C-alpha atoms as a PDB file:
ATOM      1  CA  GLY A   1      27.442 -49.849  18.403  1.00  0.00           C
ATOM      2  CA  PRO A   2      24.509 -47.701  17.380  1.00  0.00           C
ATOM      3  CA  ALA A   3      22.806 -48.852  14.176  1.00  0.00           C
ATOM      4  CA  LEU A   4      19.759 -48.109  12.111  1.00  0.00           C
ATOM      5  CA  TRP A   5      18.089 -51.060  10.343  1.00  0.00           C
ATOM      6  CA  ILE A   6      15.834 -50.060   7.450  1.00  0.00           C
ATOM      7  CA  ILE A   7      13.717 -52.931   6.144  1.00  0.00           C
ATOM      8  CA  GLU A   8      11.535 -52.203   3.133  1.00  0.00           C
ATOM      9  CA  ASN A   9       8.503 -53.993   1.687  1.00  0.00           C
ATOM     10  CA  GLY A  10       7.421 -55.493   5.019  1.00  0.00           C
ATOM     11  CA  HIS A  11       4.062 -56.375   3.462  1.00  0.00           C
ATOM     12  CA  LEU A  12       5.919 -58.997   1.366  1.00  0.00           C
ATOM     13  CA  PHE A  13       7.295 -60.826   4.440  1.00  0.00           C
ATOM     14  CA  ASP A  14       6.968 -64.548   4.572  1.00  0.00           C
ATOM     15  CA  ASP A  15       7.327 -66.568   7.776  1.00  0.00           C
ATOM     16  CA  ALA A  16      11.085 -66.862   7.460  1.00  0.00           C
ATOM     17  CA  SER A  17      11.476 -63.113   6.980  1.00  0.00           C
ATOM     18  CA  ALA A  18       9.262 -62.427  10.002  1.00  0.00           C
ATOM     19  CA  LYS A  19      11.457 -64.777  12.091  1.00  0.00           C
ATOM     20  CA  VAL A  20      14.618 -62.928  11.024  1.00  0.00           C
ATOM     21  CA  LEU A  21      13.060 -59.622  12.018  1.00  0.00           C
ATOM     22  CA  ALA A  22      11.946 -61.084  15.344  1.00  0.00           C
ATOM     23  CA  SER A  23      15.537 -62.223  15.989  1.00  0.00           C
ATOM     24  CA  ILE A  24      16.837 -58.733  15.261  1.00  0.00           C
ATOM     25  CA  THR A  25      14.278 -57.033  17.472  1.00  0.00           C
ATOM     26  CA  GLU A  26      15.063 -59.363  20.404  1.00  0.00           C
ATOM     27  CA  GLU A  27      18.489 -57.632  20.490  1.00  0.00           C
ATOM     28  CA  LEU A  28      16.905 -54.198  20.959  1.00  0.00           C
ATOM     29  CA  VAL A  29      16.785 -54.634  24.738  1.00  0.00           C
ATOM     30  CA  SER A  30      20.548 -54.728  24.982  1.00  0.00           C
ATOM     31  CA  ARG A  31      21.715 -52.853  21.881  1.00  0.00           C
ATOM     32  CA  PRO A  32      21.419 -49.208  20.726  1.00  0.00           C
ATOM     33  CA  TRP A  33      19.558 -50.132  17.566  1.00  0.00           C
ATOM     34  CA  LEU A  34      16.581 -48.568  15.832  1.00  0.00           C
ATOM     35  CA  VAL A  35      14.637 -50.830  13.467  1.00  0.00           C
ATOM     36  CA  LEU A  36      12.420 -49.197  10.856  1.00  0.00           C
ATOM     37  CA  VAL A  37      10.119 -51.434   8.843  1.00  0.00           C
ATOM     38  CA  VAL A  38       8.387 -49.821   5.866  1.00  0.00           C
ATOM     39  CA  SER A  39       5.242 -51.546   4.742  1.00  0.00           C
ATOM     40  CA  ARG A  40       2.067 -50.967   2.817  1.00  0.00           C
ATOM     41  CA  ASN A  41      -1.062 -51.080   4.895  1.00  0.00           C
ATOM     42  CA  GLU A  42      -2.309 -54.385   3.579  1.00  0.00           C
ATOM     43  CA  ALA A  43      -4.518 -56.710   5.548  1.00  0.00           C
ATOM     44  CA  GLY A  44      -3.314 -60.170   6.481  1.00  0.00           C
ATOM     45  CA  THR A  45       0.408 -59.654   6.110  1.00  0.00           C
ATOM     46  CA  GLY A  46       1.123 -60.864   9.636  1.00  0.00           C
ATOM     47  CA  MET A  47       4.404 -59.018   9.275  1.00  0.00           C
ATOM     48  CA  LEU A  48       4.992 -58.074  12.893  1.00  0.00           C
ATOM     49  CA  SER A  49       4.323 -60.064  15.988  1.00  0.00           C
ATOM     50  CA  ILE A  50       6.540 -57.728  18.053  1.00  0.00           C
ATOM     51  CA  ASP A  51       5.745 -54.648  20.094  1.00  0.00           C
ATOM     52  CA  ALA A  52       6.282 -51.675  17.771  1.00  0.00           C
ATOM     53  CA  THR A  53       5.342 -48.053  17.391  1.00  0.00           C
ATOM     54  CA  ARG A  54       3.176 -47.777  14.278  1.00  0.00           C
ATOM     55  CA  ILE A  55       3.241 -44.585  12.223  1.00  0.00           C
ATOM     56  CA  GLU A  56       0.685 -44.425   9.423  1.00  0.00           C
ATOM     57  CA  ILE A  57       1.495 -41.954   6.675  1.00  0.00           C
ATOM     58  CA  ALA A  58      -1.559 -40.591   4.925  1.00  0.00           C
ATOM     59  CA  PRO A  59      -1.557 -39.550   1.257  1.00  0.00           C
ATOM     60  CA  LEU A  60      -0.710 -35.907   0.525  1.00  0.00           C
ATOM     61  CA  ASN A  61      -3.667 -33.614   0.112  1.00  0.00           C
ATOM     62  CA  ASP A  62      -4.334 -31.982  -3.282  1.00  0.00           C
ATOM     63  CA  ALA A  63      -2.691 -28.638  -2.416  1.00  0.00           C
ATOM     64  CA  ASP A  64       0.494 -30.257  -1.054  1.00  0.00           C
ATOM     65  CA  SER A  65       0.590 -32.638  -4.014  1.00  0.00           C
ATOM     66  CA  ALA A  66       0.382 -29.746  -6.488  1.00  0.00           C
ATOM     67  CA  SER A  67       3.114 -27.865  -4.576  1.00  0.00           C
ATOM     68  CA  LEU A  68       5.364 -30.886  -4.720  1.00  0.00           C
ATOM     69  CA  ALA A  69       4.753 -31.289  -8.444  1.00  0.00           C
ATOM     70  CA  GLN A  70       5.718 -27.654  -9.087  1.00  0.00           C
ATOM     71  CA  ALA A  71       8.804 -28.006  -6.862  1.00  0.00           C
ATOM     72  CA  ALA A  72       9.858 -31.078  -8.840  1.00  0.00           C
ATOM     73  CA  ASN A  73       9.258 -29.317 -12.157  1.00  0.00           C
ATOM     74  CA  PRO A  74       9.097 -25.478 -11.903  1.00  0.00           C
ATOM     75  CA  THR A  75       8.048 -25.254 -15.587  1.00  0.00           C
ATOM     76  CA  LEU A  76       4.643 -26.699 -14.828  1.00  0.00           C
ATOM     77  CA  LEU A  77       1.611 -24.447 -15.005  1.00  0.00           C
ATOM     78  CA  PRO A  78      -0.650 -24.544 -11.907  1.00  0.00           C
ATOM     79  CA  THR A  79      -3.310 -26.399 -13.886  1.00  0.00           C
ATOM     80  CA  GLN A  80      -0.760 -29.018 -14.934  1.00  0.00           C
ATOM     81  CA  ALA A  81       0.446 -29.405 -11.343  1.00  0.00           C
ATOM     82  CA  ARG A  82      -3.144 -29.949 -10.130  1.00  0.00           C
ATOM     83  CA  LEU A  83      -3.680 -32.556 -12.868  1.00  0.00           C
ATOM     84  CA  LEU A  84      -0.524 -34.449 -11.827  1.00  0.00           C
ATOM     85  CA  ALA A  85      -1.585 -34.274  -8.199  1.00  0.00           C
ATOM     86  CA  GLU A  86      -4.957 -35.751  -9.059  1.00  0.00           C
ATOM     87  CA  ARG A  87      -3.389 -38.562 -11.076  1.00  0.00           C
ATOM     88  CA  ALA A  88      -0.855 -39.435  -8.344  1.00  0.00           C
ATOM     89  CA  ASN A  89      -3.577 -39.753  -5.683  1.00  0.00           C
ATOM     90  CA  GLY A  90      -1.348 -38.341  -2.918  1.00  0.00           C
ATOM     91  CA  ASN A  91       1.689 -40.591  -3.597  1.00  0.00           C
ATOM     92  CA  PRO A  92       4.751 -38.313  -3.341  1.00  0.00           C
ATOM     93  CA  PHE A  93       7.068 -40.647  -5.230  1.00  0.00           C
ATOM     94  CA  LEU A  94       4.634 -40.888  -8.170  1.00  0.00           C
ATOM     95  CA  ILE A  95       4.108 -37.127  -8.154  1.00  0.00           C
ATOM     96  CA  ARG A  96       7.858 -36.534  -8.534  1.00  0.00           C
ATOM     97  CA  GLN A  97       8.142 -39.113 -11.324  1.00  0.00           C
ATOM     98  CA  LEU A  98       5.171 -37.698 -13.227  1.00  0.00           C
ATOM     99  CA  ALA A  99       6.422 -34.148 -12.808  1.00  0.00           C
ATOM    100  CA  ALA A 100       9.888 -35.093 -14.108  1.00  0.00           C
ATOM    101  CA  THR A 101       8.395 -36.477 -17.332  1.00  0.00           C
ATOM    102  CA  ALA A 102       5.588 -33.939 -17.820  1.00  0.00           C
ATOM    103  CA  VAL A 103       5.747 -32.208 -21.177  1.00  0.00           C
ATOM    104  CA  ASP A 104       3.045 -30.296 -23.063  1.00  0.00           C
ATOM    105  CA  GLY A 105       0.696 -32.707 -24.749  1.00  0.00           C
ATOM    106  CA  ALA A 106       2.312 -35.811 -23.262  1.00  0.00           C
ATOM    107  CA  GLU A 107       0.027 -38.507 -21.879  1.00  0.00           C
ATOM    108  CA  LEU A 108       0.394 -39.013 -18.150  1.00  0.00           C
ATOM    109  CA  SER A 109       1.508 -42.409 -16.935  1.00  0.00           C
ATOM    110  CA  ASP A 110      -0.947 -44.649 -15.109  1.00  0.00           C
ATOM    111  CA  SER A 111       1.567 -46.227 -12.713  1.00  0.00           C
ATOM    112  CA  ILE A 112       4.820 -45.551 -10.932  1.00  0.00           C
ATOM    113  CA  GLU A 113       6.563 -48.080 -13.155  1.00  0.00           C
ATOM    114  CA  ALA A 114       5.303 -46.415 -16.341  1.00  0.00           C
ATOM    115  CA  ALA A 115       6.399 -42.963 -15.036  1.00  0.00           C
ATOM    116  CA  VAL A 116       9.885 -44.265 -14.152  1.00  0.00           C
ATOM    117  CA  ALA A 117      10.127 -46.032 -17.531  1.00  0.00           C
ATOM    118  CA  ALA A 118       9.305 -42.744 -19.278  1.00  0.00           C
ATOM    119  CA  ARG A 119      12.150 -41.066 -17.340  1.00  0.00           C
ATOM    120  CA  VAL A 120      14.595 -43.853 -18.188  1.00  0.00           C
ATOM    121  CA  ASP A 121      13.650 -43.584 -21.866  1.00  0.00           C
ATOM    122  CA  GLN A 122      14.717 -39.928 -21.796  1.00  0.00           C
ATOM    123  CA  LEU A 123      18.305 -40.869 -20.862  1.00  0.00           C
ATOM    124  CA  SER A 124      20.986 -41.050 -23.527  1.00  0.00           C
ATOM    125  CA  PRO A 125      21.605 -44.520 -24.934  1.00  0.00           C
ATOM    126  CA  THR A 126      24.909 -44.740 -22.993  1.00  0.00           C
ATOM    127  CA  ASN A 127      23.317 -43.807 -19.685  1.00  0.00           C
ATOM    128  CA  ARG A 128      20.445 -46.228 -20.229  1.00  0.00           C
ATOM    129  CA  GLU A 129      22.994 -48.976 -20.787  1.00  0.00           C
ATOM    130  CA  VAL A 130      24.832 -48.071 -17.565  1.00  0.00           C
ATOM    131  CA  LEU A 131      21.572 -48.148 -15.597  1.00  0.00           C
ATOM    132  CA  ARG A 132      20.335 -51.372 -17.084  1.00  0.00           C
ATOM    133  CA  THR A 133      23.683 -53.114 -16.627  1.00  0.00           C
ATOM    134  CA  ALA A 134      23.697 -52.061 -12.962  1.00  0.00           C
ATOM    135  CA  ALA A 135      20.189 -53.548 -12.658  1.00  0.00           C
ATOM    136  CA  VAL A 136      21.515 -56.954 -13.743  1.00  0.00           C
ATOM    137  CA  LEU A 137      23.919 -56.888 -10.807  1.00  0.00           C
ATOM    138  CA  GLY A 138      21.105 -56.340  -8.317  1.00  0.00           C
ATOM    139  CA  GLY A 139      19.749 -53.692  -5.956  1.00  0.00           C
ATOM    140  CA  ARG A 140      23.233 -53.417  -4.392  1.00  0.00           C
ATOM    141  CA  PHE A 141      26.234 -54.027  -6.637  1.00  0.00           C
ATOM    142  CA  ASP A 142      29.988 -53.776  -6.701  1.00  0.00           C
ATOM    143  CA  LEU A 143      31.184 -50.716  -8.651  1.00  0.00           C
ATOM    144  CA  GLY A 144      34.228 -52.608  -9.896  1.00  0.00           C
ATOM    145  CA  ASP A 145      31.992 -55.279 -11.381  1.00  0.00           C
ATOM    146  CA  LEU A 146      29.830 -52.637 -13.044  1.00  0.00           C
ATOM    147  CA  ASP A 147      32.890 -50.898 -14.475  1.00  0.00           C
ATOM    148  CA  ALA A 148      34.207 -54.205 -15.804  1.00  0.00           C
ATOM    149  CA  LEU A 149      30.898 -55.072 -17.521  1.00  0.00           C
ATOM    150  CA  LEU A 150      30.815 -51.597 -19.089  1.00  0.00           C
ATOM    151  CA  ALA A 151      34.474 -51.663 -20.237  1.00  0.00           C
ATOM    152  CA  GLY A 152      35.418 -48.715 -18.019  1.00  0.00           C
ATOM    153  CA  HIS A 153      32.306 -46.582 -18.385  1.00  0.00           C
ATOM    154  CA  GLY A 154      30.614 -47.494 -15.088  1.00  0.00           C
ATOM    155  CA  GLY A 155      31.790 -44.368 -13.269  1.00  0.00           C
ATOM    156  CA  VAL A 156      28.963 -42.228 -14.586  1.00  0.00           C
ATOM    157  CA  PHE A 157      26.245 -44.216 -12.814  1.00  0.00           C
ATOM    158  CA  ALA A 158      25.928 -41.938  -9.752  1.00  0.00           C
ATOM    159  CA  ALA A 159      25.284 -38.855 -11.869  1.00  0.00           C
ATOM    160  CA  LEU A 160      22.107 -40.427 -13.256  1.00  0.00           C
ATOM    161  CA  GLY A 161      20.288 -39.922  -9.959  1.00  0.00           C
ATOM    162  CA  TYR A 162      18.895 -43.429  -9.871  1.00  0.00           C
ATOM    163  CA  CYS A 163      21.802 -44.912  -7.878  1.00  0.00           C
ATOM    164  CA  ARG A 164      24.284 -43.800  -5.274  1.00  0.00           C
ATOM    165  CA  ALA A 165      27.640 -44.930  -3.996  1.00  0.00           C
ATOM    166  CA  VAL A 166      27.825 -46.459  -0.523  1.00  0.00           C
ATOM    167  CA  ALA A 167      30.651 -47.901   1.599  1.00  0.00           C
ATOM    168  CA  ASP A 168      33.065 -50.619   0.484  1.00  0.00           C
ATOM    169  CA  GLY A 169      32.989 -49.718  -3.227  1.00  0.00           C
ATOM    170  CA  ALA A 170      29.334 -50.588  -3.681  1.00  0.00           C
ATOM    171  CA  GLY A 171      26.427 -48.849  -5.391  1.00  0.00           C
ATOM    172  CA  VAL A 172      22.769 -49.108  -4.599  1.00  0.00           C
ATOM    173  CA  PHE A 173      19.603 -48.211  -6.426  1.00  0.00           C
ATOM    174  CA  ARG A 174      17.786 -45.374  -4.644  1.00  0.00           C
ATOM    175  CA  GLN A 175      14.468 -47.132  -5.134  1.00  0.00           C
ATOM    176  CA  ALA A 176      13.679 -50.766  -5.885  1.00  0.00           C
ATOM    177  CA  THR A 177      11.336 -49.504  -8.623  1.00  0.00           C
ATOM    178  CA  TYR A 178      14.312 -47.925 -10.451  1.00  0.00           C
ATOM    179  CA  ARG A 179      16.100 -51.225 -10.545  1.00  0.00           C
ATOM    180  CA  ASP A 180      13.016 -53.197 -11.565  1.00  0.00           C
ATOM    181  CA  VAL A 181      12.156 -50.813 -14.429  1.00  0.00           C
ATOM    182  CA  ALA A 182      15.737 -50.652 -15.668  1.00  0.00           C
ATOM    183  CA  TYR A 183      15.988 -54.473 -15.657  1.00  0.00           C
ATOM    184  CA  SER A 184      12.663 -54.928 -17.468  1.00  0.00           C
ATOM    185  CA  GLY A 185      13.931 -52.657 -20.252  1.00  0.00           C
ATOM    186  CA  LEU A 186      16.529 -55.255 -21.269  1.00  0.00           C
ATOM    187  CA  THR A 187      15.791 -57.832 -23.934  1.00  0.00           C
ATOM    188  CA  PHE A 188      16.011 -61.436 -22.811  1.00  0.00           C
ATOM    189  CA  ARG A 189      19.088 -61.952 -25.051  1.00  0.00           C
ATOM    190  CA  ARG A 190      20.846 -58.975 -23.460  1.00  0.00           C
ATOM    191  CA  ARG A 191      19.941 -60.102 -19.954  1.00  0.00           C
ATOM    192  CA  ARG A 192      21.364 -63.525 -20.673  1.00  0.00           C
ATOM    193  CA  ALA A 193      24.612 -62.056 -22.032  1.00  0.00           C
ATOM    194  CA  LEU A 194      25.008 -59.692 -19.072  1.00  0.00           C
ATOM    195  CA  HIS A 195      24.247 -62.423 -16.525  1.00  0.00           C
ATOM    196  CA  LEU A 196      26.813 -64.687 -18.139  1.00  0.00           C
ATOM    197  CA  ALA A 197      29.404 -61.893 -18.187  1.00  0.00           C
ATOM    198  CA  ALA A 198      28.678 -61.029 -14.526  1.00  0.00           C
ATOM    199  CA  ALA A 199      28.991 -64.706 -13.504  1.00  0.00           C
END
């Protein structure tokens, strides 16, 4: 039947990944599938050897960046929104993360990871634990497993905005960066304990 394949981080493809994608795209002639590969524009990736429509997305301009910052955080002054737009260099994801953590006098983050970490740090200790425990289970995880690891408190994960429920009782992180940052916030001792419990 009809299907949409979304494949992220195409710039990280190795030869084996490229072969898997080639196998999928060979089926496009006889199947109602749409394959979307998201990739950074990095030279030498050799990601695609197939015929594809390429859509390059340019960075947002300063005015649109500032508008997005104010939409993400209506309390921002126009000067603050312009400053965030300048720091984000047209990256809409970074603009939203910076706007969400922007407070008077606070130093702006230098990277997407730092901006996301600042947002995670603003969560309550319980919600941080939920998010970080989910990160141990992977980018896609079983909600029952999460609930078991959290002794029945896993149900609040979707409300955090970093994850969402999908079919078959699974949850997924909305962005790989959310998962990476949440995982990196765990101590090695806590990671080991959670991995052992999950296993």
